Amino acid sequence: IYHFHQKNGFACMMLSDIFELVQFLFVVTFTTFLLCCVEYDVLFANRPLNHSHAGAAAPDRSKVTLPDAILPAPQCAQRIRTSSWIIFLLVMAAAFWLYRLVKVLCSLLGYWEIRSFYIKALNIPSEGLCNYSWQEVQARLIALQRRQQMCVHKRELTELDIYHRILRFKNYTVAMVNKSLLPVRFRLPLLGPVVFLTQGLKYNLELLLFWGPGSLFQNKWSLRPQCKRVGARRELARGL
């Protein structure tokens, strides 16, 4: 519900996912084109190019244009077919793109359900979502809980409960950094203590701890029951 509001509703979220798929296709296609369909020796004038054309005026021989360096389509396709490494990468990219496509289709169903929830339960129309602040949406959510008891674990839903749910993983991450449980601080020669947390490292830590197949959480937010037992800590730590 929070992300639906922050990303401006169903249409924006749907277009964002579709454009990500198109962007990935463009990056793979353009990279393949640059690797296999460009003659770089010609482009950088490392090899002389025959500019002679029958019946035409002699062009400027010192100038190389982009069409001179781009290989014809059959020759480009031949280069791709003869490179097993390129074919392997293209197959892997196609598999990843299909996985992303399936994930996007599943996400669209979830977006549509949240859209229906906004319209029917919160009485917020899709076209008017941008006129509502998150505080207003949150107030309607709390009022709805009093009427319909959506969250069965407690009768009254508070703003703090909602923010705990939204920020649950971030709060765990901050706590683990504060307790020095995550390897993000290093001491380098001459530079002293530094903090190193790239997007790739952050992604791997979140996959390991929060939403991967062997993570500590279930249902995307609640800890697994075995993680709450003190006697199982050593076994869980070894498994992790």
C-alpha atoms as a PDB file:
ATOM      1  CA  ILE A   1       0.000   0.000   0.000  1.00  0.00           C
ATOM      2  CA  TYR A   2       2.842   2.381   0.866  1.00  0.00           C
ATOM      3  CA  HIS A   3       4.789   1.713  -2.336  1.00  0.00           C
ATOM      4  CA  PHE A   4       1.592   2.013  -4.385  1.00  0.00           C
ATOM      5  CA  HIS A   5       1.121   5.518  -2.977  1.00  0.00           C
ATOM      6  CA  GLN A   6       4.774   6.549  -3.276  1.00  0.00           C
ATOM      7  CA  LYS A   7       4.997   5.361  -6.896  1.00  0.00           C
ATOM      8  CA  ASN A   8       1.806   7.206  -7.909  1.00  0.00           C
ATOM      9  CA  GLY A   9      -0.568   4.352  -8.575  1.00  0.00           C
ATOM     10  CA  PHE A  10      -1.195   1.475 -10.935  1.00  0.00           C
ATOM     11  CA  ALA A  11      -0.379   3.117 -14.278  1.00  0.00           C
ATOM     12  CA  CYS A  12       2.986   4.500 -13.154  1.00  0.00           C
ATOM     13  CA  MET A  13       4.055   1.221 -11.537  1.00  0.00           C
ATOM     14  CA  MET A  14       2.980  -0.794 -14.588  1.00  0.00           C
ATOM     15  CA  LEU A  15       4.800   1.524 -17.014  1.00  0.00           C
ATOM     16  CA  SER A  16       7.901   1.503 -14.812  1.00  0.00           C
ATOM     17  CA  ASP A  17       8.077  -2.312 -14.910  1.00  0.00           C
ATOM     18  CA  ILE A  18       7.434  -2.442 -18.670  1.00  0.00           C
ATOM     19  CA  PHE A  19      10.106   0.184 -19.368  1.00  0.00           C
ATOM     20  CA  GLU A  20      12.582  -1.793 -17.253  1.00  0.00           C
ATOM     21  CA  LEU A  21      11.986  -4.789 -19.531  1.00  0.00           C
ATOM     22  CA  VAL A  22      12.428  -2.605 -22.629  1.00  0.00           C
ATOM     23  CA  GLN A  23      15.561  -1.039 -21.133  1.00  0.00           C
ATOM     24  CA  PHE A  24      17.110  -4.462 -20.515  1.00  0.00           C
ATOM     25  CA  LEU A  25      16.375  -5.502 -24.106  1.00  0.00           C
ATOM     26  CA  PHE A  26      17.952  -2.304 -25.404  1.00  0.00           C
ATOM     27  CA  VAL A  27      21.098  -2.714 -23.280  1.00  0.00           C
ATOM     28  CA  VAL A  28      21.590  -6.340 -24.385  1.00  0.00           C
ATOM     29  CA  THR A  29      20.911  -5.544 -28.058  1.00  0.00           C
ATOM     30  CA  PHE A  30      23.132  -2.462 -28.140  1.00  0.00           C
ATOM     31  CA  THR A  31      25.962  -4.241 -26.295  1.00  0.00           C
ATOM     32  CA  THR A  32      25.804  -7.146 -28.742  1.00  0.00           C
ATOM     33  CA  PHE A  33      25.831  -4.675 -31.627  1.00  0.00           C
ATOM     34  CA  LEU A  34      28.922  -2.912 -30.249  1.00  0.00           C
ATOM     35  CA  LEU A  35      30.728  -6.218 -29.694  1.00  0.00           C
ATOM     36  CA  CYS A  36      29.942  -7.951 -32.989  1.00  0.00           C
ATOM     37  CA  CYS A  37      28.780  -5.439 -35.566  1.00  0.00           C
ATOM     38  CA  VAL A  38      31.414  -2.686 -35.446  1.00  0.00           C
ATOM     39  CA  GLU A  39      34.807  -2.832 -37.197  1.00  0.00           C
ATOM     40  CA  TYR A  40      36.894  -0.881 -34.702  1.00  0.00           C
ATOM     41  CA  ASP A  41      40.082  -0.918 -36.786  1.00  0.00           C
ATOM     42  CA  VAL A  42      38.176   0.984 -39.465  1.00  0.00           C
ATOM     43  CA  LEU A  43      36.402   3.236 -36.968  1.00  0.00           C
ATOM     44  CA  PHE A  44      39.675   4.363 -35.364  1.00  0.00           C
ATOM     45  CA  ALA A  45      41.493   4.542 -38.724  1.00  0.00           C
ATOM     46  CA  ASN A  46      43.966   1.816 -37.789  1.00  0.00           C
ATOM     47  CA  ARG A  47      43.317   0.137 -41.119  1.00  0.00           C
ATOM     48  CA  PRO A  48      42.955   1.929 -44.471  1.00  0.00           C
ATOM     49  CA  LEU A  49      39.536   1.672 -46.064  1.00  0.00           C
ATOM     50  CA  ASN A  50      38.925   1.507 -49.775  1.00  0.00           C
ATOM     51  CA  HIS A  51      36.646   4.434 -50.552  1.00  0.00           C
ATOM     52  CA  SER A  52      36.696   4.008 -54.309  1.00  0.00           C
ATOM     53  CA  HIS A  53      33.256   3.976 -55.923  1.00  0.00           C
ATOM     54  CA  ALA A  54      32.760   3.353 -59.621  1.00  0.00           C
ATOM     55  CA  GLY A  55      31.367   6.362 -61.473  1.00  0.00           C
ATOM     56  CA  ALA A  56      31.353   8.596 -58.423  1.00  0.00           C
ATOM     57  CA  ALA A  57      33.458  11.531 -57.446  1.00  0.00           C
ATOM     58  CA  ALA A  58      36.409  10.713 -55.199  1.00  0.00           C
ATOM     59  CA  PRO A  59      35.323  11.262 -51.583  1.00  0.00           C
ATOM     60  CA  ASP A  60      37.473  12.639 -48.814  1.00  0.00           C
ATOM     61  CA  ARG A  61      39.825   9.708 -48.112  1.00  0.00           C
ATOM     62  CA  SER A  62      40.881  11.026 -44.720  1.00  0.00           C
ATOM     63  CA  LYS A  63      37.419  10.868 -43.212  1.00  0.00           C
ATOM     64  CA  VAL A  64      35.837   7.697 -41.816  1.00  0.00           C
ATOM     65  CA  THR A  65      32.083   7.741 -41.312  1.00  0.00           C
ATOM     66  CA  LEU A  66      29.979   5.483 -39.090  1.00  0.00           C
ATOM     67  CA  PRO A  67      28.494   3.475 -41.991  1.00  0.00           C
ATOM     68  CA  ASP A  68      32.073   2.582 -43.037  1.00  0.00           C
ATOM     69  CA  ALA A  69      32.688   0.907 -39.675  1.00  0.00           C
ATOM     70  CA  ILE A  70      29.349  -0.921 -39.310  1.00  0.00           C
ATOM     71  CA  LEU A  71      29.346  -4.451 -40.680  1.00  0.00           C
ATOM     72  CA  PRO A  72      26.530  -5.691 -42.919  1.00  0.00           C
ATOM     73  CA  ALA A  73      23.786  -7.672 -41.193  1.00  0.00           C
ATOM     74  CA  PRO A  74      24.822 -11.114 -42.611  1.00  0.00           C
ATOM     75  CA  GLN A  75      28.428 -10.613 -41.489  1.00  0.00           C
ATOM     76  CA  CYS A  76      27.288  -9.417 -38.076  1.00  0.00           C
ATOM     77  CA  ALA A  77      25.018 -12.465 -37.664  1.00  0.00           C
ATOM     78  CA  GLN A  78      27.899 -14.725 -38.706  1.00  0.00           C
ATOM     79  CA  ARG A  79      30.119 -13.229 -36.005  1.00  0.00           C
ATOM     80  CA  ILE A  80      27.454 -13.890 -33.374  1.00  0.00           C
ATOM     81  CA  ARG A  81      26.917 -17.490 -34.544  1.00  0.00           C
ATOM     82  CA  THR A  82      30.623 -18.290 -34.461  1.00  0.00           C
ATOM     83  CA  SER A  83      31.119 -16.987 -30.898  1.00  0.00           C
ATOM     84  CA  SER A  84      29.959 -19.557 -28.369  1.00  0.00           C
ATOM     85  CA  TRP A  85      30.642 -17.075 -25.551  1.00  0.00           C
ATOM     86  CA  ILE A  86      28.288 -14.462 -27.052  1.00  0.00           C
ATOM     87  CA  ILE A  87      25.597 -17.102 -27.645  1.00  0.00           C
ATOM     88  CA  PHE A  88      25.912 -18.288 -24.031  1.00  0.00           C
ATOM     89  CA  LEU A  89      25.534 -14.736 -22.719  1.00  0.00           C
ATOM     90  CA  LEU A  90      22.540 -14.084 -24.978  1.00  0.00           C
ATOM     91  CA  VAL A  91      20.852 -17.281 -23.777  1.00  0.00           C
ATOM     92  CA  MET A  92      21.465 -16.281 -20.155  1.00  0.00           C
ATOM     93  CA  ALA A  93      20.126 -12.776 -20.849  1.00  0.00           C
ATOM     94  CA  ALA A  94      17.030 -14.233 -22.535  1.00  0.00           C
ATOM     95  CA  ALA A  95      16.397 -16.549 -19.569  1.00  0.00           C
ATOM     96  CA  PHE A  96      16.741 -13.644 -17.127  1.00  0.00           C
ATOM     97  CA  TRP A  97      14.440 -11.457 -19.245  1.00  0.00           C
ATOM     98  CA  LEU A  98      11.764 -14.193 -19.328  1.00  0.00           C
ATOM     99  CA  TYR A  99      12.067 -14.565 -15.554  1.00  0.00           C
ATOM    100  CA  ARG A 100      11.633 -10.807 -15.180  1.00  0.00           C
ATOM    101  CA  LEU A 101       8.643 -10.910 -17.554  1.00  0.00           C
ATOM    102  CA  VAL A 102       6.897 -13.562 -15.446  1.00  0.00           C
ATOM    103  CA  LYS A 103       7.698 -11.591 -12.296  1.00  0.00           C
ATOM    104  CA  VAL A 104       6.298  -8.399 -13.836  1.00  0.00           C
ATOM    105  CA  LEU A 105       3.080 -10.180 -14.850  1.00  0.00           C
ATOM    106  CA  CYS A 106       2.674 -11.496 -11.300  1.00  0.00           C
ATOM    107  CA  SER A 107       3.413  -8.034  -9.908  1.00  0.00           C
ATOM    108  CA  LEU A 108       0.744  -6.505 -12.141  1.00  0.00           C
ATOM    109  CA  LEU A 109      -1.859  -8.782 -10.558  1.00  0.00           C
ATOM    110  CA  GLY A 110      -0.720  -7.575  -7.130  1.00  0.00           C
ATOM    111  CA  TYR A 111      -0.818  -3.952  -8.255  1.00  0.00           C
ATOM    112  CA  TRP A 112      -4.380  -4.445  -9.501  1.00  0.00           C
ATOM    113  CA  GLU A 113      -5.445  -5.923  -6.141  1.00  0.00           C
ATOM    114  CA  ILE A 114      -3.942  -2.948  -4.293  1.00  0.00           C
ATOM    115  CA  ARG A 115      -5.677  -0.601  -6.724  1.00  0.00           C
ATOM    116  CA  SER A 116      -9.004  -2.295  -5.934  1.00  0.00           C
ATOM    117  CA  PHE A 117      -8.245  -2.014  -2.208  1.00  0.00           C
ATOM    118  CA  TYR A 118      -7.660   1.733  -2.562  1.00  0.00           C
ATOM    119  CA  ILE A 119     -10.900   2.204  -4.477  1.00  0.00           C
ATOM    120  CA  LYS A 120     -13.246  -0.088  -2.531  1.00  0.00           C
ATOM    121  CA  ALA A 121     -11.821  -0.107   0.999  1.00  0.00           C
ATOM    122  CA  LEU A 122     -10.139   3.293   1.341  1.00  0.00           C
ATOM    123  CA  ASN A 123     -12.504   5.151  -1.040  1.00  0.00           C
ATOM    124  CA  ILE A 124      -9.584   6.740  -2.883  1.00  0.00           C
ATOM    125  CA  PRO A 125     -10.036   6.802  -6.685  1.00  0.00           C
ATOM    126  CA  SER A 126      -7.052   6.001  -8.904  1.00  0.00           C
ATOM    127  CA  GLU A 127      -7.137   9.315 -10.737  1.00  0.00           C
ATOM    128  CA  GLY A 128      -7.192  11.223  -7.429  1.00  0.00           C
ATOM    129  CA  LEU A 129      -4.435   9.327  -5.632  1.00  0.00           C
ATOM    130  CA  CYS A 130      -1.874  12.089  -6.278  1.00  0.00           C
ATOM    131  CA  ASN A 131      -4.073  14.502  -4.278  1.00  0.00           C
ATOM    132  CA  TYR A 132      -3.786  12.443  -1.073  1.00  0.00           C
ATOM    133  CA  SER A 133      -0.797  12.598   1.234  1.00  0.00           C
ATOM    134  CA  TRP A 134       0.516   9.420   2.853  1.00  0.00           C
ATOM    135  CA  GLN A 135      -0.752  10.690   6.223  1.00  0.00           C
ATOM    136  CA  GLU A 136      -4.310  10.806   4.821  1.00  0.00           C
ATOM    137  CA  VAL A 137      -3.990   7.298   3.401  1.00  0.00           C
ATOM    138  CA  GLN A 138      -2.621   6.093   6.729  1.00  0.00           C
ATOM    139  CA  ALA A 139      -5.530   7.677   8.650  1.00  0.00           C
ATOM    140  CA  ARG A 140      -8.041   5.874   6.428  1.00  0.00           C
ATOM    141  CA  LEU A 141      -6.158   2.611   6.920  1.00  0.00           C
ATOM    142  CA  ILE A 142      -6.334   2.981  10.703  1.00  0.00           C
ATOM    143  CA  ALA A 143     -10.041   3.816  10.535  1.00  0.00           C
ATOM    144  CA  LEU A 144     -10.660   0.781   8.315  1.00  0.00           C
ATOM    145  CA  GLN A 145      -8.891  -1.465  10.845  1.00  0.00           C
ATOM    146  CA  ARG A 146     -11.322  -0.308  13.534  1.00  0.00           C
ATOM    147  CA  ARG A 147     -14.300  -1.255  11.353  1.00  0.00           C
ATOM    148  CA  GLN A 148     -13.134  -4.469   9.676  1.00  0.00           C
ATOM    149  CA  GLN A 149     -10.221  -5.910  11.717  1.00  0.00           C
ATOM    150  CA  MET A 150      -7.891  -6.547   8.762  1.00  0.00           C
ATOM    151  CA  CYS A 151      -4.912  -7.224  11.063  1.00  0.00           C
ATOM    152  CA  VAL A 152      -6.060 -10.047  13.301  1.00  0.00           C
ATOM    153  CA  HIS A 153      -3.106  -9.899  15.733  1.00  0.00           C
ATOM    154  CA  LYS A 154      -4.318  -6.667  17.366  1.00  0.00           C
ATOM    155  CA  ARG A 155      -7.500  -4.616  17.547  1.00  0.00           C
ATOM    156  CA  GLU A 156      -6.093  -1.099  17.202  1.00  0.00           C
ATOM    157  CA  LEU A 157      -3.626  -0.239  14.440  1.00  0.00           C
ATOM    158  CA  THR A 158      -1.351   2.741  15.130  1.00  0.00           C
ATOM    159  CA  GLU A 159       0.968   4.833  12.998  1.00  0.00           C
ATOM    160  CA  LEU A 160       3.909   3.203  14.768  1.00  0.00           C
ATOM    161  CA  ASP A 161       2.653  -0.271  13.800  1.00  0.00           C
ATOM    162  CA  ILE A 162       2.461   0.775  10.143  1.00  0.00           C
ATOM    163  CA  TYR A 163       5.949   2.289  10.135  1.00  0.00           C
ATOM    164  CA  HIS A 164       7.348  -0.777  11.881  1.00  0.00           C
ATOM    165  CA  ARG A 165       5.959  -2.889   9.057  1.00  0.00           C
ATOM    166  CA  ILE A 166       7.237  -0.574   6.316  1.00  0.00           C
ATOM    167  CA  LEU A 167      10.695  -0.086   7.845  1.00  0.00           C
ATOM    168  CA  ARG A 168      11.110  -3.539   9.357  1.00  0.00           C
ATOM    169  CA  PHE A 169      14.026  -4.661   7.178  1.00  0.00           C
ATOM    170  CA  LYS A 170      15.693  -1.246   7.340  1.00  0.00           C
ATOM    171  CA  ASN A 171      15.426  -1.240  11.125  1.00  0.00           C
ATOM    172  CA  TYR A 172      17.013  -4.701  11.298  1.00  0.00           C
ATOM    173  CA  THR A 173      19.806  -3.571   8.958  1.00  0.00           C
ATOM    174  CA  VAL A 174      20.514  -0.431  11.001  1.00  0.00           C
ATOM    175  CA  ALA A 175      20.537  -2.462  14.221  1.00  0.00           C
ATOM    176  CA  MET A 176      22.944  -5.038  12.762  1.00  0.00           C
ATOM    177  CA  VAL A 177      25.278  -2.274  11.546  1.00  0.00           C
ATOM    178  CA  ASN A 178      25.152  -0.590  14.961  1.00  0.00           C
ATOM    179  CA  LYS A 179      25.971  -3.931  16.626  1.00  0.00           C
ATOM    180  CA  SER A 180      28.849  -4.479  14.132  1.00  0.00           C
ATOM    181  CA  LEU A 181      27.243  -7.702  12.900  1.00  0.00           C
ATOM    182  CA  LEU A 182      27.468  -6.725   9.216  1.00  0.00           C
ATOM    183  CA  PRO A 183      30.901  -6.395   7.543  1.00  0.00           C
ATOM    184  CA  VAL A 184      30.639  -2.792   6.368  1.00  0.00           C
ATOM    185  CA  ARG A 185      33.487  -1.179   8.354  1.00  0.00           C
ATOM    186  CA  PHE A 186      37.110  -1.803   7.428  1.00  0.00           C
ATOM    187  CA  ARG A 187      40.462  -0.386   8.471  1.00  0.00           C
ATOM    188  CA  LEU A 188      42.688   0.376   5.497  1.00  0.00           C
ATOM    189  CA  PRO A 189      46.384   1.287   5.592  1.00  0.00           C
ATOM    190  CA  LEU A 190      46.975   5.063   5.561  1.00  0.00           C
ATOM    191  CA  LEU A 191      43.216   5.752   5.227  1.00  0.00           C
ATOM    192  CA  GLY A 192      42.114   4.372   8.581  1.00  0.00           C
ATOM    193  CA  PRO A 193      38.514   3.191   9.192  1.00  0.00           C
ATOM    194  CA  VAL A 194      36.203   3.321   6.148  1.00  0.00           C
ATOM    195  CA  VAL A 195      32.629   2.225   5.456  1.00  0.00           C
ATOM    196  CA  PHE A 196      32.072   0.021   2.388  1.00  0.00           C
ATOM    197  CA  LEU A 197      28.485  -0.826   1.399  1.00  0.00           C
ATOM    198  CA  THR A 198      27.878  -0.908  -2.346  1.00  0.00           C
ATOM    199  CA  GLN A 199      24.503  -1.631  -3.922  1.00  0.00           C
ATOM    200  CA  GLY A 200      25.737  -5.103  -4.870  1.00  0.00           C
ATOM    201  CA  LEU A 201      26.825  -5.931  -1.321  1.00  0.00           C
ATOM    202  CA  LYS A 202      23.574  -4.505   0.071  1.00  0.00           C
ATOM    203  CA  TYR A 203      21.564  -6.627  -2.394  1.00  0.00           C
ATOM    204  CA  ASN A 204      23.423  -9.798  -1.348  1.00  0.00           C
ATOM    205  CA  LEU A 205      22.957  -9.081   2.363  1.00  0.00           C
ATOM    206  CA  GLU A 206      19.224  -8.486   1.876  1.00  0.00           C
ATOM    207  CA  LEU A 207      18.937 -11.669  -0.200  1.00  0.00           C
ATOM    208  CA  LEU A 208      20.695 -13.653   2.519  1.00  0.00           C
ATOM    209  CA  LEU A 209      18.853 -12.196   5.508  1.00  0.00           C
ATOM    210  CA  PHE A 210      15.435 -10.945   4.423  1.00  0.00           C
ATOM    211  CA  TRP A 211      13.847 -12.286   1.248  1.00  0.00           C
ATOM    212  CA  GLY A 212      15.978 -15.100  -0.141  1.00  0.00           C
ATOM    213  CA  PRO A 213      14.927 -18.779  -0.084  1.00  0.00           C
ATOM    214  CA  GLY A 214      16.872 -19.439   3.132  1.00  0.00           C
ATOM    215  CA  SER A 215      16.230 -16.101   4.828  1.00  0.00           C
ATOM    216  CA  LEU A 216      15.154 -15.535   8.436  1.00  0.00           C
ATOM    217  CA  PHE A 217      11.741 -14.145   7.461  1.00  0.00           C
ATOM    218  CA  GLN A 218       8.496 -15.563   6.136  1.00  0.00           C
ATOM    219  CA  ASN A 219       5.579 -13.754   4.453  1.00  0.00           C
ATOM    220  CA  LYS A 220       8.015 -10.933   3.607  1.00  0.00           C
ATOM    221  CA  TRP A 221       7.944  -9.440   7.093  1.00  0.00           C
ATOM    222  CA  SER A 222       7.586 -11.863  10.032  1.00  0.00           C
ATOM    223  CA  LEU A 223      10.409 -13.867  11.560  1.00  0.00           C
ATOM    224  CA  ARG A 224      10.271 -17.625  11.193  1.00  0.00           C
ATOM    225  CA  PRO A 225       9.158 -19.374  14.425  1.00  0.00           C
ATOM    226  CA  GLN A 226      12.463 -21.257  14.774  1.00  0.00           C
ATOM    227  CA  CYS A 227      14.356 -17.937  14.713  1.00  0.00           C
ATOM    228  CA  LYS A 228      12.592 -16.916  17.921  1.00  0.00           C
ATOM    229  CA  ARG A 229      13.801 -19.950  19.890  1.00  0.00           C
ATOM    230  CA  VAL A 230      16.973 -19.334  21.891  1.00  0.00           C
ATOM    231  CA  GLY A 231      18.003 -22.993  21.726  1.00  0.00           C
ATOM    232  CA  ALA A 232      18.071 -22.974  17.914  1.00  0.00           C
ATOM    233  CA  ARG A 233      20.432 -20.013  17.539  1.00  0.00           C
ATOM    234  CA  ARG A 234      23.662 -21.954  17.043  1.00  0.00           C
ATOM    235  CA  GLU A 235      22.097 -24.290  14.494  1.00  0.00           C
ATOM    236  CA  LEU A 236      20.563 -21.378  12.571  1.00  0.00           C
ATOM    237  CA  ALA A 237      23.863 -19.499  12.652  1.00  0.00           C
ATOM    238  CA  ARG A 238      25.712 -22.494  11.181  1.00  0.00           C
ATOM    239  CA  GLY A 239      23.089 -22.860   8.467  1.00  0.00           C
ATOM    240  CA  LEU A 240      23.246 -19.158   7.630  1.00  0.00           C
END
